[in-house]
Amino acid sequence: MKKVHRYSTPRSTGGSIQGKTSIVDLETEYRLTREALVKAGVDMTDSMDALYRDWRRWRDQPKSLASLGRIGVARVDQWWALHLAQFRSLIDPPHVAARAERALKDQSAVRTRPDPAASDSLIGGPPR
């Protein structure tokens, strides 16, 4: 059976939701975020996969976290949760719109290539 790592967010200090704890399944969150990045055409999966492997390595090494106890596990999970949030922000509508706008500007830009023959006539070029 596959282990599921869960991250418990800090308790809220505000209003009616005080004392409630939100449980986030970090494994599922990783897979969903990765899939969404691929669908959006954001080429960040290599970076995301490397960070995921680091998180799993740290999370699966009981010796390194044993001395820290639950606080150590929570810190590692929080580190990964913050990275997941950064990756999710890449597919937020404002970021997607900005990338689309940049792509349109890049496509409509006038591209000029230097004429190889013209470069010979520059000062310091080979004599003719």
N, C-alpha and C. Protein backbone atom coordinates (compact mmCIF):
# COMPACT_ATOMS: atom_id res chain seq x y z
N MET A 1 0.84 -1.17 0.00
CA MET A 1 0.00 0.00 0.00
C MET A 1 0.88 1.24 0.00
N LYS A 2 0.55 2.22 -0.80
CA LYS A 2 1.32 3.44 -0.94
C LYS A 2 1.12 4.35 0.25
N LYS A 3 2.24 4.91 0.75
CA LYS A 3 2.14 5.86 1.85
C LYS A 3 1.67 7.20 1.31
N VAL A 4 0.80 7.85 2.04
CA VAL A 4 0.33 9.18 1.66
C VAL A 4 0.84 10.15 2.70
N HIS A 5 1.56 11.16 2.24
CA HIS A 5 2.09 12.17 3.14
C HIS A 5 1.10 13.33 3.19
N ARG A 6 0.74 13.72 4.36
CA ARG A 6 -0.20 14.83 4.52
C ARG A 6 0.47 15.96 5.26
N TYR A 7 0.09 17.16 4.91
CA TYR A 7 0.64 18.35 5.53
C TYR A 7 -0.51 19.09 6.18
N SER A 8 -0.37 19.37 7.42
CA SER A 8 -1.40 20.09 8.15
C SER A 8 -1.02 21.55 8.21
N THR A 9 -1.86 22.42 7.66
CA THR A 9 -1.56 23.84 7.68
C THR A 9 -1.79 24.39 9.08
N PRO A 10 -1.11 25.50 9.42
CA PRO A 10 -1.30 26.07 10.75
C PRO A 10 -2.75 26.47 10.97
N ARG A 11 -3.15 26.41 12.21
CA ARG A 11 -4.52 26.78 12.53
C ARG A 11 -4.73 28.26 12.31
N SER A 12 -5.87 28.58 11.80
CA SER A 12 -6.21 29.97 11.53
C SER A 12 -6.54 30.69 12.84
N THR A 13 -6.21 31.96 12.88
CA THR A 13 -6.52 32.74 14.07
C THR A 13 -7.74 33.61 13.88
N GLY A 14 -8.37 33.51 12.73
CA GLY A 14 -9.47 34.42 12.45
C GLY A 14 -10.83 33.77 12.49
N GLY A 15 -11.79 34.53 12.96
CA GLY A 15 -13.21 34.28 12.88
C GLY A 15 -13.71 32.89 13.18
N SER A 16 -14.71 32.48 12.38
CA SER A 16 -15.44 31.24 12.64
C SER A 16 -14.66 29.98 12.28
N ILE A 17 -13.59 30.13 11.51
CA ILE A 17 -12.85 28.94 11.13
C ILE A 17 -11.70 28.64 12.09
N GLN A 18 -11.67 29.37 13.20
CA GLN A 18 -10.61 29.15 14.18
C GLN A 18 -10.66 27.71 14.67
N GLY A 19 -9.50 27.10 14.76
CA GLY A 19 -9.41 25.74 15.27
C GLY A 19 -9.56 24.67 14.21
N LYS A 20 -9.94 25.04 13.00
CA LYS A 20 -10.06 24.04 11.94
C LYS A 20 -8.69 23.85 11.30
N THR A 21 -8.40 22.63 10.90
CA THR A 21 -7.13 22.33 10.26
C THR A 21 -7.41 21.79 8.87
N SER A 22 -6.74 22.36 7.90
CA SER A 22 -6.90 21.90 6.53
C SER A 22 -5.84 20.85 6.23
N ILE A 23 -6.25 19.71 5.71
CA ILE A 23 -5.33 18.63 5.37
C ILE A 23 -5.13 18.64 3.86
N VAL A 24 -3.90 18.72 3.45
CA VAL A 24 -3.58 18.74 2.03
C VAL A 24 -2.76 17.50 1.70
N ASP A 25 -3.17 16.76 0.75
CA ASP A 25 -2.44 15.58 0.31
C ASP A 25 -1.36 16.05 -0.67
N LEU A 26 -0.13 16.08 -0.21
CA LEU A 26 0.96 16.64 -1.01
C LEU A 26 1.30 15.78 -2.23
N GLU A 27 1.11 14.49 -2.12
CA GLU A 27 1.37 13.63 -3.28
C GLU A 27 0.39 13.94 -4.41
N THR A 28 -0.88 14.00 -4.06
CA THR A 28 -1.90 14.31 -5.07
C THR A 28 -1.72 15.72 -5.60
N GLU A 29 -1.39 16.63 -4.72
CA GLU A 29 -1.17 18.03 -5.13
C GLU A 29 -0.02 18.12 -6.13
N TYR A 30 1.03 17.37 -5.90
CA TYR A 30 2.16 17.33 -6.83
C TYR A 30 1.70 16.84 -8.20
N ARG A 31 1.00 15.73 -8.22
CA ARG A 31 0.58 15.15 -9.50
C ARG A 31 -0.38 16.08 -10.26
N LEU A 32 -1.32 16.68 -9.54
CA LEU A 32 -2.27 17.59 -10.18
C LEU A 32 -1.58 18.85 -10.71
N THR A 33 -0.67 19.39 -9.92
CA THR A 33 0.05 20.59 -10.33
C THR A 33 0.94 20.31 -11.52
N ARG A 34 1.62 19.18 -11.49
CA ARG A 34 2.49 18.79 -12.60
C ARG A 34 1.68 18.63 -13.88
N GLU A 35 0.55 17.95 -13.77
CA GLU A 35 -0.32 17.74 -14.93
C GLU A 35 -0.82 19.08 -15.48
N ALA A 36 -1.19 20.00 -14.59
CA ALA A 36 -1.67 21.31 -15.02
C ALA A 36 -0.56 22.11 -15.71
N LEU A 37 0.67 22.00 -15.22
CA LEU A 37 1.78 22.70 -15.86
C LEU A 37 2.01 22.16 -17.27
N VAL A 38 1.95 20.85 -17.42
CA VAL A 38 2.14 20.23 -18.73
C VAL A 38 1.03 20.68 -19.68
N LYS A 39 -0.22 20.67 -19.21
CA LYS A 39 -1.34 21.10 -20.06
C LYS A 39 -1.22 22.56 -20.46
N ALA A 40 -0.67 23.39 -19.55
CA ALA A 40 -0.52 24.82 -19.84
C ALA A 40 0.70 25.11 -20.69
N GLY A 41 1.53 24.08 -20.93
CA GLY A 41 2.71 24.27 -21.75
C GLY A 41 3.87 24.94 -21.03
N VAL A 42 3.85 24.89 -19.70
CA VAL A 42 4.92 25.49 -18.90
C VAL A 42 5.99 24.42 -18.68
N ASP A 43 7.16 24.67 -19.21
CA ASP A 43 8.23 23.67 -19.16
C ASP A 43 9.03 23.81 -17.87
N MET A 44 8.40 23.40 -16.76
CA MET A 44 9.06 23.47 -15.44
C MET A 44 9.05 22.11 -14.77
N THR A 45 8.69 21.06 -15.50
CA THR A 45 8.53 19.76 -14.87
C THR A 45 9.85 19.18 -14.39
N ASP A 46 10.96 19.48 -15.08
CA ASP A 46 12.26 18.97 -14.62
C ASP A 46 12.60 19.53 -13.25
N SER A 47 12.41 20.83 -13.08
CA SER A 47 12.68 21.47 -11.79
C SER A 47 11.74 20.93 -10.72
N MET A 48 10.48 20.80 -11.08
CA MET A 48 9.50 20.31 -10.12
C MET A 48 9.81 18.87 -9.70
N ASP A 49 10.17 18.05 -10.66
CA ASP A 49 10.49 16.65 -10.36
C ASP A 49 11.72 16.54 -9.45
N ALA A 50 12.72 17.39 -9.69
CA ALA A 50 13.93 17.37 -8.85
C ALA A 50 13.60 17.75 -7.41
N LEU A 51 12.78 18.78 -7.24
CA LEU A 51 12.38 19.19 -5.89
C LEU A 51 11.53 18.11 -5.22
N TYR A 52 10.68 17.47 -6.02
CA TYR A 52 9.85 16.38 -5.48
C TYR A 52 10.74 15.24 -4.97
N ARG A 53 11.76 14.89 -5.76
CA ARG A 53 12.67 13.82 -5.33
C ARG A 53 13.39 14.20 -4.05
N ASP A 54 13.80 15.47 -3.93
CA ASP A 54 14.44 15.93 -2.68
C ASP A 54 13.49 15.77 -1.51
N TRP A 55 12.26 16.23 -1.69
CA TRP A 55 11.25 16.13 -0.62
C TRP A 55 11.04 14.69 -0.20
N ARG A 56 10.88 13.81 -1.20
CA ARG A 56 10.67 12.39 -0.88
C ARG A 56 11.88 11.80 -0.16
N ARG A 57 13.08 12.14 -0.61
CA ARG A 57 14.29 11.62 0.02
C ARG A 57 14.36 12.06 1.49
N TRP A 58 14.10 13.36 1.73
CA TRP A 58 14.13 13.86 3.11
C TRP A 58 13.01 13.26 3.94
N ARG A 59 11.84 13.14 3.31
CA ARG A 59 10.66 12.63 4.03
C ARG A 59 10.82 11.15 4.35
N ASP A 60 11.48 10.40 3.48
CA ASP A 60 11.60 8.96 3.64
C ASP A 60 12.83 8.54 4.45
N GLN A 61 13.62 9.49 4.91
CA GLN A 61 14.78 9.17 5.72
C GLN A 61 14.43 9.39 7.20
N PRO A 62 13.97 8.35 7.86
CA PRO A 62 13.55 8.52 9.25
C PRO A 62 14.68 8.94 10.18
N LYS A 63 15.93 8.54 9.87
CA LYS A 63 17.05 8.91 10.73
C LYS A 63 17.27 10.41 10.77
N SER A 64 17.14 11.05 9.60
CA SER A 64 17.40 12.50 9.56
C SER A 64 16.30 13.29 10.25
N LEU A 65 15.08 12.75 10.25
CA LEU A 65 13.96 13.48 10.86
C LEU A 65 13.67 13.01 12.28
N ALA A 66 14.23 11.89 12.68
CA ALA A 66 13.92 11.33 14.00
C ALA A 66 14.33 12.28 15.11
N SER A 67 15.48 12.92 14.97
CA SER A 67 15.93 13.83 16.01
C SER A 67 15.06 15.08 16.08
N LEU A 68 14.45 15.43 14.99
CA LEU A 68 13.59 16.61 14.98
C LEU A 68 12.14 16.30 15.32
N GLY A 69 11.77 15.06 15.18
CA GLY A 69 10.40 14.65 15.49
C GLY A 69 9.39 15.24 14.52
N ARG A 70 8.20 15.48 15.04
CA ARG A 70 7.10 15.97 14.21
C ARG A 70 7.39 17.35 13.63
N ILE A 71 8.17 18.15 14.35
CA ILE A 71 8.50 19.49 13.84
C ILE A 71 9.34 19.38 12.58
N GLY A 72 10.28 18.44 12.55
CA GLY A 72 11.11 18.25 11.36
C GLY A 72 10.29 17.83 10.16
N VAL A 73 9.38 16.91 10.38
CA VAL A 73 8.51 16.44 9.30
C VAL A 73 7.64 17.60 8.81
N ALA A 74 7.11 18.38 9.73
CA ALA A 74 6.26 19.51 9.35
C ALA A 74 7.05 20.54 8.55
N ARG A 75 8.31 20.76 8.91
CA ARG A 75 9.13 21.73 8.17
C ARG A 75 9.41 21.25 6.76
N VAL A 76 9.72 19.98 6.61
CA VAL A 76 9.98 19.43 5.28
C VAL A 76 8.70 19.50 4.45
N ASP A 77 7.58 19.15 5.04
CA ASP A 77 6.30 19.22 4.32
C ASP A 77 5.95 20.67 3.98
N GLN A 78 6.22 21.59 4.88
CA GLN A 78 5.92 23.00 4.61
C GLN A 78 6.80 23.51 3.46
N TRP A 79 8.08 23.11 3.47
CA TRP A 79 8.99 23.48 2.39
C TRP A 79 8.42 23.04 1.04
N TRP A 80 7.96 21.80 0.98
CA TRP A 80 7.40 21.26 -0.27
C TRP A 80 6.09 21.96 -0.62
N ALA A 81 5.25 22.20 0.37
CA ALA A 81 3.97 22.88 0.11
C ALA A 81 4.20 24.28 -0.45
N LEU A 82 5.20 24.98 0.04
CA LEU A 82 5.50 26.32 -0.48
C LEU A 82 5.99 26.25 -1.92
N HIS A 83 6.80 25.24 -2.24
CA HIS A 83 7.25 25.08 -3.62
C HIS A 83 6.07 24.74 -4.53
N LEU A 84 5.19 23.88 -4.07
CA LEU A 84 4.01 23.56 -4.88
C LEU A 84 3.18 24.81 -5.16
N ALA A 85 3.04 25.67 -4.17
CA ALA A 85 2.29 26.92 -4.35
C ALA A 85 2.95 27.79 -5.41
N GLN A 86 4.28 27.83 -5.42
CA GLN A 86 4.98 28.61 -6.44
C GLN A 86 4.75 28.03 -7.83
N PHE A 87 4.78 26.73 -7.95
CA PHE A 87 4.52 26.11 -9.26
C PHE A 87 3.07 26.36 -9.70
N ARG A 88 2.13 26.28 -8.75
CA ARG A 88 0.73 26.55 -9.10
C ARG A 88 0.54 27.98 -9.56
N SER A 89 1.31 28.91 -9.00
CA SER A 89 1.16 30.31 -9.40
C SER A 89 1.52 30.52 -10.86
N LEU A 90 2.34 29.64 -11.43
CA LEU A 90 2.71 29.76 -12.84
C LEU A 90 1.53 29.52 -13.77
N ILE A 91 0.49 28.87 -13.27
CA ILE A 91 -0.68 28.59 -14.11
C ILE A 91 -1.88 29.41 -13.69
N ASP A 92 -1.65 30.44 -12.86
CA ASP A 92 -2.72 31.37 -12.51
C ASP A 92 -3.04 32.21 -13.74
N PRO A 93 -4.29 32.64 -13.89
CA PRO A 93 -4.67 33.43 -15.07
C PRO A 93 -3.76 34.63 -15.37
N PRO A 94 -3.34 35.43 -14.38
CA PRO A 94 -2.47 36.56 -14.72
C PRO A 94 -1.13 36.12 -15.34
N HIS A 95 -0.56 35.04 -14.84
CA HIS A 95 0.70 34.56 -15.39
C HIS A 95 0.52 33.99 -16.79
N VAL A 96 -0.57 33.27 -17.00
CA VAL A 96 -0.85 32.70 -18.31
C VAL A 96 -1.07 33.83 -19.32
N ALA A 97 -1.82 34.86 -18.92
CA ALA A 97 -2.07 36.00 -19.80
C ALA A 97 -0.78 36.74 -20.13
N ALA A 98 0.08 36.91 -19.15
CA ALA A 98 1.35 37.60 -19.39
C ALA A 98 2.23 36.82 -20.36
N ARG A 99 2.27 35.49 -20.21
CA ARG A 99 3.06 34.68 -21.15
C ARG A 99 2.48 34.74 -22.56
N ALA A 100 1.16 34.73 -22.67
CA ALA A 100 0.52 34.81 -23.99
C ALA A 100 0.82 36.15 -24.65
N GLU A 101 0.76 37.22 -23.86
CA GLU A 101 1.06 38.55 -24.39
C GLU A 101 2.52 38.62 -24.85
N ARG A 102 3.43 38.07 -24.06
CA ARG A 102 4.85 38.06 -24.42
C ARG A 102 5.06 37.27 -25.71
N ALA A 103 4.38 36.14 -25.85
CA ALA A 103 4.51 35.33 -27.06
C ALA A 103 4.02 36.09 -28.28
N LEU A 104 2.90 36.82 -28.14
CA LEU A 104 2.39 37.63 -29.27
C LEU A 104 3.37 38.72 -29.65
N LYS A 105 3.94 39.38 -28.65
CA LYS A 105 4.93 40.42 -28.93
C LYS A 105 6.14 39.83 -29.64
N ASP A 106 6.57 38.67 -29.18
CA ASP A 106 7.73 38.03 -29.80
C ASP A 106 7.44 37.63 -31.24
N GLN A 107 6.22 37.16 -31.51
CA GLN A 107 5.85 36.74 -32.86
C GLN A 107 5.72 37.93 -33.81
N SER A 108 5.24 39.06 -33.29
CA SER A 108 5.01 40.22 -34.15
C SER A 108 6.24 41.11 -34.27
N ALA A 109 7.29 40.81 -33.53
CA ALA A 109 8.50 41.62 -33.60
C ALA A 109 9.16 41.45 -34.96
N VAL A 110 9.67 42.55 -35.48
CA VAL A 110 10.37 42.50 -36.76
C VAL A 110 11.76 41.96 -36.49
N ARG A 111 12.05 40.88 -37.13
CA ARG A 111 13.35 40.24 -36.94
C ARG A 111 14.25 40.61 -38.13
N THR A 112 15.37 41.16 -37.82
CA THR A 112 16.32 41.48 -38.87
C THR A 112 17.59 40.68 -38.62
N ARG A 113 18.07 40.09 -39.66
CA ARG A 113 19.31 39.33 -39.57
C ARG A 113 20.41 40.15 -40.24
N PRO A 114 21.54 40.19 -39.60
CA PRO A 114 22.63 40.94 -40.24
C PRO A 114 23.04 40.27 -41.54
N ASP A 115 23.33 41.12 -42.52
CA ASP A 115 23.77 40.62 -43.82
C ASP A 115 25.24 40.23 -43.69
N PRO A 116 25.58 38.95 -43.94
CA PRO A 116 26.97 38.52 -43.79
C PRO A 116 27.93 39.32 -44.66
N ALA A 117 27.50 39.73 -45.85
CA ALA A 117 28.37 40.50 -46.74
C ALA A 117 28.61 41.89 -46.18
N ALA A 118 27.62 42.45 -45.51
CA ALA A 118 27.75 43.80 -44.95
C ALA A 118 28.77 43.82 -43.81
N SER A 119 28.90 42.74 -43.10
CA SER A 119 29.83 42.72 -41.97
C SER A 119 31.28 42.82 -42.45
N ASP A 120 31.55 42.42 -43.70
CA ASP A 120 32.90 42.53 -44.23
C ASP A 120 33.29 43.97 -44.48
N SER A 121 32.32 44.83 -44.70
CA SER A 121 32.62 46.22 -45.02
C SER A 121 32.81 47.07 -43.78
N LEU A 122 32.65 46.48 -42.62
CA LEU A 122 32.85 47.22 -41.39
C LEU A 122 34.33 47.49 -41.17
N ILE A 123 34.62 48.51 -40.41
CA ILE A 123 36.01 48.85 -40.10
C ILE A 123 36.64 47.67 -39.40
N GLY A 124 37.80 47.34 -39.76
CA GLY A 124 38.50 46.22 -39.16
C GLY A 124 38.20 44.90 -39.82
N GLY A 125 37.35 44.91 -40.84
CA GLY A 125 37.03 43.69 -41.55
C GLY A 125 38.15 43.32 -42.50
N PRO A 126 38.06 42.16 -43.10
CA PRO A 126 39.12 41.75 -44.02
C PRO A 126 39.16 42.68 -45.24
N PRO A 127 40.33 42.97 -45.73
CA PRO A 127 40.43 43.85 -46.92
C PRO A 127 39.85 43.16 -48.14
N ARG A 128 39.40 43.98 -49.05
CA ARG A 128 38.82 43.45 -50.29
C ARG A 128 39.78 43.52 -51.41
